[in-house]
Amino acid sequence: MPITIDGTGLAGSPGPLRIAVELYAVNDRAALSLIESRTGELYETFTSNVPGETLAGDEVIVGLWRLPMSTVVALLDSDCFEPIRTLAVGNARGAVWRITSKELLQAIHDARAAEPA
């Protein structure tokens, strides 16, 4: 079952958004995006890859500098994430969030397992 958040009212979103999982090629960290459920169009990639930052396997860096606050609130309201700390990313601020959704963690695990050795 895909993980969806209510995108109604978010700038440029017609309604439900699903979380899509890919991996950053450099280090196989989770690259998470919001995809419009009805059209399949990319709404926003909300994670960023900062290779020099130490993260646990269940953590992602969220690019707060490029997200409207309504999107941040919708993501946190999904109960899929728990804020851990903030960090400097260049001249901006990012956030480290722990992934708390078992389904999302399984999707990330599956994406890593599908990567060629």
PDB file of N, CA and C in Angstrom:
ATOM      1  N   MET A   1       0.846  -1.174   0.000  1.00  0.00           N
ATOM      2  CA  MET A   1       0.000   0.000   0.000  1.00  0.00           C
ATOM      3  C   MET A   1       0.892   1.237   0.000  1.00  0.00           C
ATOM      4  N   PRO A   2       0.693   2.150  -0.969  1.00  0.00           N
ATOM      5  CA  PRO A   2       1.536   3.352  -0.998  1.00  0.00           C
ATOM      6  C   PRO A   2       1.224   4.276   0.168  1.00  0.00           C
ATOM      7  N   ILE A   3       2.243   4.978   0.613  1.00  0.00           N
ATOM      8  CA  ILE A   3       2.084   5.955   1.686  1.00  0.00           C
ATOM      9  C   ILE A   3       1.655   7.261   1.046  1.00  0.00           C
ATOM     10  N   THR A   4       0.514   7.790   1.478  1.00  0.00           N
ATOM     11  CA  THR A   4       0.016   9.026   0.900  1.00  0.00           C
ATOM     12  C   THR A   4      -0.115  10.089   1.975  1.00  0.00           C
ATOM     13  N   ILE A   5       0.002  11.324   1.558  1.00  0.00           N
ATOM     14  CA  ILE A   5      -0.273  12.453   2.433  1.00  0.00           C
ATOM     15  C   ILE A   5      -1.311  13.322   1.733  1.00  0.00           C
ATOM     16  N   ASP A   6      -2.029  14.103   2.507  1.00  0.00           N
ATOM     17  CA  ASP A   6      -3.043  14.980   1.942  1.00  0.00           C
ATOM     18  C   ASP A   6      -2.366  16.225   1.401  1.00  0.00           C
ATOM     19  N   GLY A   7      -2.304  16.335   0.094  1.00  0.00           N
ATOM     20  CA  GLY A   7      -1.688  17.499  -0.530  1.00  0.00           C
ATOM     21  C   GLY A   7      -2.670  18.609  -0.831  1.00  0.00           C
ATOM     22  N   THR A   8      -3.944  18.400  -0.465  1.00  0.00           N
ATOM     23  CA  THR A   8      -4.948  19.418  -0.727  1.00  0.00           C
ATOM     24  C   THR A   8      -4.559  20.716  -0.041  1.00  0.00           C
ATOM     25  N   GLY A   9      -4.552  21.774  -0.795  1.00  0.00           N
ATOM     26  CA  GLY A   9      -4.197  23.071  -0.231  1.00  0.00           C
ATOM     27  C   GLY A   9      -2.722  23.404  -0.326  1.00  0.00           C
ATOM     28  N   LEU A  10      -1.874  22.439  -0.662  1.00  0.00           N
ATOM     29  CA  LEU A  10      -0.463  22.738  -0.848  1.00  0.00           C
ATOM     30  C   LEU A  10      -0.292  23.427  -2.197  1.00  0.00           C
ATOM     31  N   ALA A  11       0.602  24.357  -2.262  1.00  0.00           N
ATOM     32  CA  ALA A  11       0.821  25.134  -3.491  1.00  0.00           C
ATOM     33  C   ALA A  11       1.061  24.208  -4.680  1.00  0.00           C
ATOM     34  N   GLY A  12       0.218  24.306  -5.686  1.00  0.00           N
ATOM     35  CA  GLY A  12       0.400  23.546  -6.913  1.00  0.00           C
ATOM     36  C   GLY A  12      -0.024  22.099  -6.858  1.00  0.00           C
ATOM     37  N   SER A  13      -0.595  21.643  -5.751  1.00  0.00           N
ATOM     38  CA  SER A  13      -0.995  20.247  -5.648  1.00  0.00           C
ATOM     39  C   SER A  13      -2.506  20.113  -5.725  1.00  0.00           C
ATOM     40  N   PRO A  14      -2.995  19.218  -6.581  1.00  0.00           N
ATOM     41  CA  PRO A  14      -4.433  19.049  -6.694  1.00  0.00           C
ATOM     42  C   PRO A  14      -5.043  18.161  -5.614  1.00  0.00           C
ATOM     43  N   GLY A  15      -4.240  17.452  -4.869  1.00  0.00           N
ATOM     44  CA  GLY A  15      -4.817  16.546  -3.871  1.00  0.00           C
ATOM     45  C   GLY A  15      -3.799  15.588  -3.301  1.00  0.00           C
ATOM     46  N   PRO A  16      -4.158  14.312  -3.185  1.00  0.00           N
ATOM     47  CA  PRO A  16      -3.281  13.342  -2.529  1.00  0.00           C
ATOM     48  C   PRO A  16      -1.913  13.206  -3.203  1.00  0.00           C
ATOM     49  N   LEU A  17      -0.900  13.070  -2.374  1.00  0.00           N
ATOM     50  CA  LEU A  17       0.468  12.855  -2.832  1.00  0.00           C
ATOM     51  C   LEU A  17       0.972  11.556  -2.228  1.00  0.00           C
ATOM     52  N   ARG A  18       1.755  10.802  -2.989  1.00  0.00           N
ATOM     53  CA  ARG A  18       2.355   9.586  -2.437  1.00  0.00           C
ATOM     54  C   ARG A  18       3.853   9.795  -2.311  1.00  0.00           C
ATOM     55  N   ILE A  19       4.442   9.104  -1.361  1.00  0.00           N
ATOM     56  CA  ILE A  19       5.889   9.183  -1.159  1.00  0.00           C
ATOM     57  C   ILE A  19       6.548   8.121  -2.028  1.00  0.00           C
ATOM     58  N   ALA A  20       7.461   8.556  -2.878  1.00  0.00           N
ATOM     59  CA  ALA A  20       8.206   7.648  -3.752  1.00  0.00           C
ATOM     60  C   ALA A  20       9.635   7.519  -3.226  1.00  0.00           C
ATOM     61  N   VAL A  21      10.196   6.334  -3.369  1.00  0.00           N
ATOM     62  CA  VAL A  21      11.535   6.035  -2.870  1.00  0.00           C
ATOM     63  C   VAL A  21      12.477   5.755  -4.031  1.00  0.00           C
ATOM     64  N   GLU A  22      13.593   6.462  -4.035  1.00  0.00           N
ATOM     65  CA  GLU A  22      14.724   6.161  -4.908  1.00  0.00           C
ATOM     66  C   GLU A  22      15.957   6.215  -4.021  1.00  0.00           C
ATOM     67  N   LEU A  23      17.118   5.990  -4.610  1.00  0.00           N
ATOM     68  CA  LEU A  23      18.370   6.053  -3.852  1.00  0.00           C
ATOM     69  C   LEU A  23      19.328   7.021  -4.523  1.00  0.00           C
ATOM     70  N   TYR A  24      20.074   7.767  -3.703  1.00  0.00           N
ATOM     71  CA  TYR A  24      21.140   8.601  -4.246  1.00  0.00           C
ATOM     72  C   TYR A  24      22.271   7.669  -4.674  1.00  0.00           C
ATOM     73  N   ALA A  25      22.764   7.838  -5.886  1.00  0.00           N
ATOM     74  CA  ALA A  25      23.770   6.943  -6.461  1.00  0.00           C
ATOM     75  C   ALA A  25      25.083   6.976  -5.691  1.00  0.00           C
ATOM     76  N   VAL A  26      25.418   8.109  -5.113  1.00  0.00           N
ATOM     77  CA  VAL A  26      26.709   8.270  -4.440  1.00  0.00           C
ATOM     78  C   VAL A  26      26.851   7.385  -3.212  1.00  0.00           C
ATOM     79  N   ASN A  27      25.760   7.233  -2.443  1.00  0.00           N
ATOM     80  CA  ASN A  27      25.890   6.534  -1.163  1.00  0.00           C
ATOM     81  C   ASN A  27      24.670   5.691  -0.784  1.00  0.00           C
ATOM     82  N   ASP A  28      23.758   5.469  -1.699  1.00  0.00           N
ATOM     83  CA  ASP A  28      22.563   4.649  -1.468  1.00  0.00           C
ATOM     84  C   ASP A  28      21.668   5.142  -0.334  1.00  0.00           C
ATOM     85  N   ARG A  29      21.760   6.422   0.002  1.00  0.00           N
ATOM     86  CA  ARG A  29      20.811   6.981   0.968  1.00  0.00           C
ATOM     87  C   ARG A  29      19.460   7.159   0.274  1.00  0.00           C
ATOM     88  N   ALA A  30      18.418   7.178   1.078  1.00  0.00           N
ATOM     89  CA  ALA A  30      17.068   7.324   0.536  1.00  0.00           C
ATOM     90  C   ALA A  30      16.865   8.712  -0.065  1.00  0.00           C
ATOM     91  N   ALA A  31      16.355   8.745  -1.279  1.00  0.00           N
ATOM     92  CA  ALA A  31      15.933   9.975  -1.953  1.00  0.00           C
ATOM     93  C   ALA A  31      14.412   9.907  -2.007  1.00  0.00           C
ATOM     94  N   LEU A  32      13.742  10.746  -1.237  1.00  0.00           N
ATOM     95  CA  LEU A  32      12.285  10.675  -1.121  1.00  0.00           C
ATOM     96  C   LEU A  32      11.628  11.840  -1.838  1.00  0.00           C
ATOM     97  N   SER A  33      10.592  11.520  -2.582  1.00  0.00           N
ATOM     98  CA  SER A  33       9.860  12.526  -3.353  1.00  0.00           C
ATOM     99  C   SER A  33       8.371  12.384  -3.094  1.00  0.00           C
ATOM    100  N   LEU A  34       7.666  13.466  -3.358  1.00  0.00           N
ATOM    101  CA  LEU A  34       6.211  13.454  -3.348  1.00  0.00           C
ATOM    102  C   LEU A  34       5.741  13.443  -4.798  1.00  0.00           C
ATOM    103  N   ILE A  35       4.866  12.502  -5.109  1.00  0.00           N
ATOM    104  CA  ILE A  35       4.342  12.318  -6.456  1.00  0.00           C
ATOM    105  C   ILE A  35       2.831  12.518  -6.398  1.00  0.00           C
ATOM    106  N   GLU A  36       2.290  13.258  -7.350  1.00  0.00           N
ATOM    107  CA  GLU A  36       0.843  13.438  -7.397  1.00  0.00           C
ATOM    108  C   GLU A  36       0.189  12.096  -7.730  1.00  0.00           C
ATOM    109  N   SER A  37      -0.704  11.668  -6.849  1.00  0.00           N
ATOM    110  CA  SER A  37      -1.316  10.341  -6.992  1.00  0.00           C
ATOM    111  C   SER A  37      -2.114  10.188  -8.266  1.00  0.00           C
ATOM    112  N   ARG A  38      -2.811  11.222  -8.676  1.00  0.00           N
ATOM    113  CA  ARG A  38      -3.691  11.115  -9.849  1.00  0.00           C
ATOM    114  C   ARG A  38      -2.926  11.172 -11.163  1.00  0.00           C
ATOM    115  N   THR A  39      -1.893  12.006 -11.240  1.00  0.00           N
ATOM    116  CA  THR A  39      -1.199  12.221 -12.516  1.00  0.00           C
ATOM    117  C   THR A  39       0.141  11.504 -12.615  1.00  0.00           C
ATOM    118  N   GLY A  40       0.721  11.156 -11.481  1.00  0.00           N
ATOM    119  CA  GLY A  40       2.049  10.550 -11.476  1.00  0.00           C
ATOM    120  C   GLY A  40       3.164  11.557 -11.639  1.00  0.00           C
ATOM    121  N   GLU A  41       2.834  12.843 -11.661  1.00  0.00           N
ATOM    122  CA  GLU A  41       3.826  13.907 -11.821  1.00  0.00           C
ATOM    123  C   GLU A  41       4.580  14.151 -10.513  1.00  0.00           C
ATOM    124  N   LEU A  42       5.849  14.499 -10.638  1.00  0.00           N
ATOM    125  CA  LEU A  42       6.662  14.852  -9.481  1.00  0.00           C
ATOM    126  C   LEU A  42       6.149  16.167  -8.890  1.00  0.00           C
ATOM    127  N   TYR A  43       5.877  16.160  -7.603  1.00  0.00           N
ATOM    128  CA  TYR A  43       5.502  17.389  -6.907  1.00  0.00           C
ATOM    129  C   TYR A  43       6.751  18.026  -6.296  1.00  0.00           C
ATOM    130  N   GLU A  44       7.552  17.229  -5.577  1.00  0.00           N
ATOM    131  CA  GLU A  44       8.757  17.769  -4.930  1.00  0.00           C
ATOM    132  C   GLU A  44       9.620  16.632  -4.402  1.00  0.00           C
ATOM    133  N   THR A  45      10.923  16.701  -4.644  1.00  0.00           N
ATOM    134  CA  THR A  45      11.865  15.839  -3.934  1.00  0.00           C
ATOM    135  C   THR A  45      12.195  16.576  -2.654  1.00  0.00           C
ATOM    136  N   PHE A  46      11.869  15.973  -1.526  1.00  0.00           N
ATOM    137  CA  PHE A  46      12.000  16.708  -0.271  1.00  0.00           C
ATOM    138  C   PHE A  46      13.219  16.332   0.551  1.00  0.00           C
ATOM    139  N   THR A  47      13.989  15.347   0.110  1.00  0.00           N
ATOM    140  CA  THR A  47      15.231  15.039   0.805  1.00  0.00           C
ATOM    141  C   THR A  47      16.409  15.592   0.014  1.00  0.00           C
ATOM    142  N   SER A  48      17.520  15.727   0.697  1.00  0.00           N
ATOM    143  CA  SER A  48      18.775  16.165   0.076  1.00  0.00           C
ATOM    144  C   SER A  48      19.876  15.223   0.519  1.00  0.00           C
ATOM    145  N   ASN A  49      20.873  15.094  -0.319  1.00  0.00           N
ATOM    146  CA  ASN A  49      22.014  14.242   0.003  1.00  0.00           C
ATOM    147  C   ASN A  49      23.183  15.128   0.402  1.00  0.00           C
ATOM    148  N   VAL A  50      23.628  14.970   1.624  1.00  0.00           N
ATOM    149  CA  VAL A  50      24.807  15.670   2.129  1.00  0.00           C
ATOM    150  C   VAL A  50      25.778  14.573   2.570  1.00  0.00           C
ATOM    151  N   PRO A  51      26.622  14.086   1.634  1.00  0.00           N
ATOM    152  CA  PRO A  51      27.460  12.923   1.923  1.00  0.00           C
ATOM    153  C   PRO A  51      28.337  13.067   3.162  1.00  0.00           C
ATOM    154  N   GLY A  52      28.769  14.278   3.492  1.00  0.00           N
ATOM    155  CA  GLY A  52      29.637  14.463   4.653  1.00  0.00           C
ATOM    156  C   GLY A  52      28.918  14.410   5.992  1.00  0.00           C
ATOM    157  N   GLU A  53      27.596  14.388   5.980  1.00  0.00           N
ATOM    158  CA  GLU A  53      26.816  14.356   7.220  1.00  0.00           C
ATOM    159  C   GLU A  53      26.574  12.903   7.633  1.00  0.00           C
ATOM    160  N   THR A  54      26.856  12.584   8.883  1.00  0.00           N
ATOM    161  CA  THR A  54      26.631  11.240   9.392  1.00  0.00           C
ATOM    162  C   THR A  54      25.155  11.054   9.724  1.00  0.00           C
ATOM    163  N   LEU A  55      24.578   9.991   9.157  1.00  0.00           N
ATOM    164  CA  LEU A  55      23.172   9.671   9.398  1.00  0.00           C
ATOM    165  C   LEU A  55      23.022   8.208   9.772  1.00  0.00           C
ATOM    166  N   ALA A  56      22.033   7.917  10.602  1.00  0.00           N
ATOM    167  CA  ALA A  56      21.663   6.528  10.863  1.00  0.00           C
ATOM    168  C   ALA A  56      20.946   5.991   9.629  1.00  0.00           C
ATOM    169  N   GLY A  57      20.809   4.705   9.520  1.00  0.00           N
ATOM    170  CA  GLY A  57      20.164   4.088   8.361  1.00  0.00           C
ATOM    171  C   GLY A  57      18.708   4.463   8.191  1.00  0.00           C
ATOM    172  N   ASP A  58      18.064   4.918   9.261  1.00  0.00           N
ATOM    173  CA  ASP A  58      16.649   5.293   9.188  1.00  0.00           C
ATOM    174  C   ASP A  58      16.446   6.804   9.204  1.00  0.00           C
ATOM    175  N   GLU A  59      17.489   7.568   8.843  1.00  0.00           N
ATOM    176  CA  GLU A  59      17.396   9.023   8.853  1.00  0.00           C
ATOM    177  C   GLU A  59      17.584   9.598   7.451  1.00  0.00           C
ATOM    178  N   VAL A  60      16.950  10.746   7.216  1.00  0.00           N
ATOM    179  CA  VAL A  60      17.097  11.489   5.958  1.00  0.00           C
ATOM    180  C   VAL A  60      17.289  12.966   6.290  1.00  0.00           C
ATOM    181  N   ILE A  61      17.884  13.682   5.343  1.00  0.00           N
ATOM    182  CA  ILE A  61      18.003  15.137   5.463  1.00  0.00           C
ATOM    183  C   ILE A  61      16.899  15.745   4.608  1.00  0.00           C
ATOM    184  N   VAL A  62      16.101  16.588   5.242  1.00  0.00           N
ATOM    185  CA  VAL A  62      14.992  17.251   4.561  1.00  0.00           C
ATOM    186  C   VAL A  62      15.423  18.667   4.208  1.00  0.00           C
ATOM    187  N   GLY A  63      15.281  19.023   2.939  1.00  0.00           N
ATOM    188  CA  GLY A  63      15.688  20.345   2.445  1.00  0.00           C
ATOM    189  C   GLY A  63      14.667  21.411   2.807  1.00  0.00           C
ATOM    190  N   LEU A  64      14.705  21.869   4.045  1.00  0.00           N
ATOM    191  CA  LEU A  64      13.746  22.871   4.505  1.00  0.00           C
ATOM    192  C   LEU A  64      13.809  24.154   3.697  1.00  0.00           C
ATOM    193  N   TRP A  65      14.961  24.482   3.126  1.00  0.00           N
ATOM    194  CA  TRP A  65      15.138  25.724   2.383  1.00  0.00           C
ATOM    195  C   TRP A  65      14.304  25.775   1.106  1.00  0.00           C
ATOM    196  N   ARG A  66      13.863  24.630   0.606  1.00  0.00           N
ATOM    197  CA  ARG A  66      13.113  24.652  -0.648  1.00  0.00           C
ATOM    198  C   ARG A  66      11.661  24.202  -0.493  1.00  0.00           C
ATOM    199  N   LEU A  67      11.240  23.946   0.739  1.00  0.00           N
ATOM    200  CA  LEU A  67       9.877  23.472   0.961  1.00  0.00           C
ATOM    201  C   LEU A  67       9.001  24.531   1.606  1.00  0.00           C
ATOM    202  N   PRO A  68       7.778  24.688   1.113  1.00  0.00           N
ATOM    203  CA  PRO A  68       6.850  25.554   1.829  1.00  0.00           C
ATOM    204  C   PRO A  68       6.517  24.928   3.189  1.00  0.00           C
ATOM    205  N   MET A  69       6.258  25.746   4.173  1.00  0.00           N
ATOM    206  CA  MET A  69       5.958  25.239   5.510  1.00  0.00           C
ATOM    207  C   MET A  69       4.756  24.301   5.483  1.00  0.00           C
ATOM    208  N   SER A  70       3.786  24.551   4.603  1.00  0.00           N
ATOM    209  CA  SER A  70       2.612  23.672   4.531  1.00  0.00           C
ATOM    210  C   SER A  70       3.010  22.242   4.143  1.00  0.00           C
ATOM    211  N   THR A  71       4.023  22.099   3.293  1.00  0.00           N
ATOM    212  CA  THR A  71       4.494  20.767   2.908  1.00  0.00           C
ATOM    213  C   THR A  71       5.210  20.092   4.073  1.00  0.00           C
ATOM    214  N   VAL A  72       6.022  20.852   4.801  1.00  0.00           N
ATOM    215  CA  VAL A  72       6.710  20.311   5.981  1.00  0.00           C
ATOM    216  C   VAL A  72       5.677  19.812   6.991  1.00  0.00           C
ATOM    217  N   VAL A  73       4.657  20.605   7.243  1.00  0.00           N
ATOM    218  CA  VAL A  73       3.608  20.226   8.198  1.00  0.00           C
ATOM    219  C   VAL A  73       2.877  18.972   7.719  1.00  0.00           C
ATOM    220  N   ALA A  74       2.550  18.912   6.420  1.00  0.00           N
ATOM    221  CA  ALA A  74       1.853  17.742   5.881  1.00  0.00           C
ATOM    222  C   ALA A  74       2.706  16.480   6.030  1.00  0.00           C
ATOM    223  N   LEU A  75       4.001  16.598   5.786  1.00  0.00           N
ATOM    224  CA  LEU A  75       4.889  15.439   5.942  1.00  0.00           C
ATOM    225  C   LEU A  75       4.954  14.987   7.397  1.00  0.00           C
ATOM    226  N   LEU A  76       5.081  15.935   8.308  1.00  0.00           N
ATOM    227  CA  LEU A  76       5.129  15.569   9.729  1.00  0.00           C
ATOM    228  C   LEU A  76       3.784  15.021  10.210  1.00  0.00           C
ATOM    229  N   ASP A  77       2.689  15.546   9.686  1.00  0.00           N
ATOM    230  CA  ASP A  77       1.359  15.048  10.051  1.00  0.00           C
ATOM    231  C   ASP A  77       1.112  13.629   9.560  1.00  0.00           C
ATOM    232  N   SER A  78       1.916  13.165   8.611  1.00  0.00           N
ATOM    233  CA  SER A  78       1.757  11.811   8.081  1.00  0.00           C
ATOM    234  C   SER A  78       2.161  10.743   9.087  1.00  0.00           C
ATOM    235  N   ASP A  79       2.822  11.143  10.156  1.00  0.00           N
ATOM    236  CA  ASP A  79       3.345  10.215  11.174  1.00  0.00           C
ATOM    237  C   ASP A  79       4.378   9.245  10.615  1.00  0.00           C
ATOM    238  N   CYS A  80       4.989   9.604   9.484  1.00  0.00           N
ATOM    239  CA  CYS A  80       6.049   8.779   8.900  1.00  0.00           C
ATOM    240  C   CYS A  80       7.434   9.229   9.343  1.00  0.00           C
ATOM    241  N   PHE A  81       7.509  10.415   9.971  1.00  0.00           N
ATOM    242  CA  PHE A  81       8.795  11.008  10.308  1.00  0.00           C
ATOM    243  C   PHE A  81       8.770  11.607  11.707  1.00  0.00           C
ATOM    244  N   GLU A  82       9.963  11.640  12.309  1.00  0.00           N
ATOM    245  CA  GLU A  82      10.163  12.288  13.607  1.00  0.00           C
ATOM    246  C   GLU A  82      11.368  13.225  13.474  1.00  0.00           C
ATOM    247  N   PRO A  83      11.178  14.523  13.727  1.00  0.00           N
ATOM    248  CA  PRO A  83      12.321  15.443  13.643  1.00  0.00           C
ATOM    249  C   PRO A  83      13.364  15.099  14.704  1.00  0.00           C
ATOM    250  N   ILE A  84      14.637  15.111  14.301  1.00  0.00           N
ATOM    251  CA  ILE A  84      15.733  14.775  15.212  1.00  0.00           C
ATOM    252  C   ILE A  84      16.583  16.005  15.519  1.00  0.00           C
ATOM    253  N   ARG A  85      17.046  16.693  14.468  1.00  0.00           N
ATOM    254  CA  ARG A  85      17.896  17.864  14.676  1.00  0.00           C
ATOM    255  C   ARG A  85      17.910  18.699  13.400  1.00  0.00           C
ATOM    256  N   THR A  86      18.414  19.918  13.511  1.00  0.00           N
ATOM    257  CA  THR A  86      18.633  20.748  12.327  1.00  0.00           C
ATOM    258  C   THR A  86      20.127  20.838  12.072  1.00  0.00           C
ATOM    259  N   LEU A  87      20.493  21.232  10.867  1.00  0.00           N
ATOM    260  CA  LEU A  87      21.897  21.356  10.519  1.00  0.00           C
ATOM    261  C   LEU A  87      22.057  22.408   9.440  1.00  0.00           C
ATOM    262  N   ALA A  88      23.244  22.950   9.357  1.00  0.00           N
ATOM    263  CA  ALA A  88      23.565  23.920   8.314  1.00  0.00           C
ATOM    264  C   ALA A  88      23.907  23.169   7.037  1.00  0.00           C
ATOM    265  N   VAL A  89      23.325  23.623   5.927  1.00  0.00           N
ATOM    266  CA  VAL A  89      23.632  23.073   4.610  1.00  0.00           C
ATOM    267  C   VAL A  89      23.943  24.276   3.740  1.00  0.00           C
ATOM    268  N   GLY A  90      25.227  24.568   3.588  1.00  0.00           N
ATOM    269  CA  GLY A  90      25.619  25.796   2.907  1.00  0.00           C
ATOM    270  C   GLY A  90      25.146  26.988   3.724  1.00  0.00           C
ATOM    271  N   ASN A  91      24.413  27.881   3.084  1.00  0.00           N
ATOM    272  CA  ASN A  91      23.871  29.051   3.781  1.00  0.00           C
ATOM    273  C   ASN A  91      22.450  28.818   4.270  1.00  0.00           C
ATOM    274  N   ALA A  92      21.949  27.609   4.167  1.00  0.00           N
ATOM    275  CA  ALA A  92      20.566  27.302   4.528  1.00  0.00           C
ATOM    276  C   ALA A  92      20.524  26.329   5.708  1.00  0.00           C
ATOM    277  N   ARG A  93      19.318  26.014   6.142  1.00  0.00           N
ATOM    278  CA  ARG A  93      19.118  25.048   7.211  1.00  0.00           C
ATOM    279  C   ARG A  93      18.375  23.840   6.658  1.00  0.00           C
ATOM    280  N   GLY A  94      18.804  22.690   7.104  1.00  0.00           N
ATOM    281  CA  GLY A  94      18.117  21.443   6.785  1.00  0.00           C
ATOM    282  C   GLY A  94      17.687  20.793   8.076  1.00  0.00           C
ATOM    283  N   ALA A  95      16.998  19.701   7.965  1.00  0.00           N
ATOM    284  CA  ALA A  95      16.552  18.962   9.144  1.00  0.00           C
ATOM    285  C   ALA A  95      16.860  17.488   8.947  1.00  0.00           C
ATOM    286  N   VAL A  96      17.270  16.851  10.022  1.00  0.00           N
ATOM    287  CA  VAL A  96      17.422  15.407  10.011  1.00  0.00           C
ATOM    288  C   VAL A  96      16.156  14.841  10.640  1.00  0.00           C
ATOM    289  N   TRP A  97      15.480  13.993   9.874  1.00  0.00           N
ATOM    290  CA  TRP A  97      14.273  13.332  10.355  1.00  0.00           C
ATOM    291  C   TRP A  97      14.501  11.830  10.373  1.00  0.00           C
ATOM    292  N   ARG A  98      13.993  11.196  11.430  1.00  0.00           N
ATOM    293  CA  ARG A  98      14.005   9.727  11.511  1.00  0.00           C
ATOM    294  C   ARG A  98      12.726   9.225  10.829  1.00  0.00           C
ATOM    295  N   ILE A  99      12.871   8.213  10.010  1.00  0.00           N
ATOM    296  CA  ILE A  99      11.727   7.584   9.369  1.00  0.00           C
ATOM    297  C   ILE A  99      11.110   6.612  10.371  1.00  0.00           C
ATOM    298  N   THR A 100       9.833   6.803  10.680  1.00  0.00           N
ATOM    299  CA  THR A 100       9.154   5.957  11.660  1.00  0.00           C
ATOM    300  C   THR A 100       8.161   4.992  11.019  1.00  0.00           C
ATOM    301  N   SER A 101       7.910   5.144   9.736  1.00  0.00           N
ATOM    302  CA  SER A 101       6.961   4.291   9.022  1.00  0.00           C
ATOM    303  C   SER A 101       7.623   2.974   8.630  1.00  0.00           C
ATOM    304  N   LYS A 102       7.055   1.874   9.100  1.00  0.00           N
ATOM    305  CA  LYS A 102       7.590   0.554   8.744  1.00  0.00           C
ATOM    306  C   LYS A 102       7.486   0.319   7.229  1.00  0.00           C
ATOM    307  N   GLU A 103       6.389   0.794   6.622  1.00  0.00           N
ATOM    308  CA  GLU A 103       6.199   0.610   5.185  1.00  0.00           C
ATOM    309  C   GLU A 103       7.258   1.372   4.388  1.00  0.00           C
ATOM    310  N   LEU A 104       7.561   2.587   4.815  1.00  0.00           N
ATOM    311  CA  LEU A 104       8.568   3.387   4.123  1.00  0.00           C
ATOM    312  C   LEU A 104       9.958   2.788   4.319  1.00  0.00           C
ATOM    313  N   LEU A 105      10.263   2.330   5.519  1.00  0.00           N
ATOM    314  CA  LEU A 105      11.555   1.678   5.766  1.00  0.00           C
ATOM    315  C   LEU A 105      11.688   0.412   4.919  1.00  0.00           C
ATOM    316  N   GLN A 106      10.593  -0.340   4.762  1.00  0.00           N
ATOM    317  CA  GLN A 106      10.624  -1.547   3.932  1.00  0.00           C
ATOM    318  C   GLN A 106      10.847  -1.189   2.466  1.00  0.00           C
ATOM    319  N   ALA A 107      10.211  -0.105   1.992  1.00  0.00           N
ATOM    320  CA  ALA A 107      10.398   0.326   0.604  1.00  0.00           C
ATOM    321  C   ALA A 107      11.849   0.729   0.353  1.00  0.00           C
ATOM    322  N   ILE A 108      12.476   1.385   1.325  1.00  0.00           N
ATOM    323  CA  ILE A 108      13.889   1.757   1.198  1.00  0.00           C
ATOM    324  C   ILE A 108      14.761   0.501   1.188  1.00  0.00           C
ATOM    325  N   HIS A 109      14.474  -0.418   2.073  1.00  0.00           N
ATOM    326  CA  HIS A 109      15.208  -1.692   2.120  1.00  0.00           C
ATOM    327  C   HIS A 109      15.087  -2.422   0.775  1.00  0.00           C
ATOM    328  N   ASP A 110      13.875  -2.461   0.228  1.00  0.00           N
ATOM    329  CA  ASP A 110      13.644  -3.139  -1.047  1.00  0.00           C
ATOM    330  C   ASP A 110      14.415  -2.466  -2.186  1.00  0.00           C
ATOM    331  N   ALA A 111      14.462  -1.123  -2.166  1.00  0.00           N
ATOM    332  CA  ALA A 111      15.206  -0.400  -3.203  1.00  0.00           C
ATOM    333  C   ALA A 111      16.693  -0.710  -3.122  1.00  0.00           C
ATOM    334  N   ARG A 112      17.214  -0.787  -1.912  1.00  0.00           N
ATOM    335  CA  ARG A 112      18.636  -1.126  -1.743  1.00  0.00           C
ATOM    336  C   ARG A 112      18.918  -2.557  -2.187  1.00  0.00           C
ATOM    337  N   ALA A 113      18.014  -3.470  -1.884  1.00  0.00           N
ATOM    338  CA  ALA A 113      18.202  -4.871  -2.255  1.00  0.00           C
ATOM    339  C   ALA A 113      18.143  -5.058  -3.776  1.00  0.00           C
ATOM    340  N   ALA A 114      17.413  -4.195  -4.462  1.00  0.00           N
ATOM    341  CA  ALA A 114      17.271  -4.303  -5.912  1.00  0.00           C
ATOM    342  C   ALA A 114      18.471  -3.717  -6.652  1.00  0.00           C
ATOM    343  N   GLU A 115      19.332  -2.955  -5.950  1.00  0.00           N
ATOM    344  CA  GLU A 115      20.514  -2.359  -6.578  1.00  0.00           C
ATOM    345  C   GLU A 115      21.493  -3.457  -6.986  1.00  0.00           C
ATOM    346  N   PRO A 116      22.063  -3.371  -8.190  1.00  0.00           N
ATOM    347  CA  PRO A 116      23.074  -4.352  -8.589  1.00  0.00           C
ATOM    348  C   PRO A 116      24.326  -4.218  -7.733  1.00  0.00           C
ATOM    349  N   ALA A 117      24.944  -5.337  -7.463  1.00  0.00           N
ATOM    350  CA  ALA A 117      26.148  -5.346  -6.609  1.00  0.00           C
ATOM    351  C   ALA A 117      27.340  -4.767  -7.289  1.00  0.00           C
TER     352      ALA A 117
END
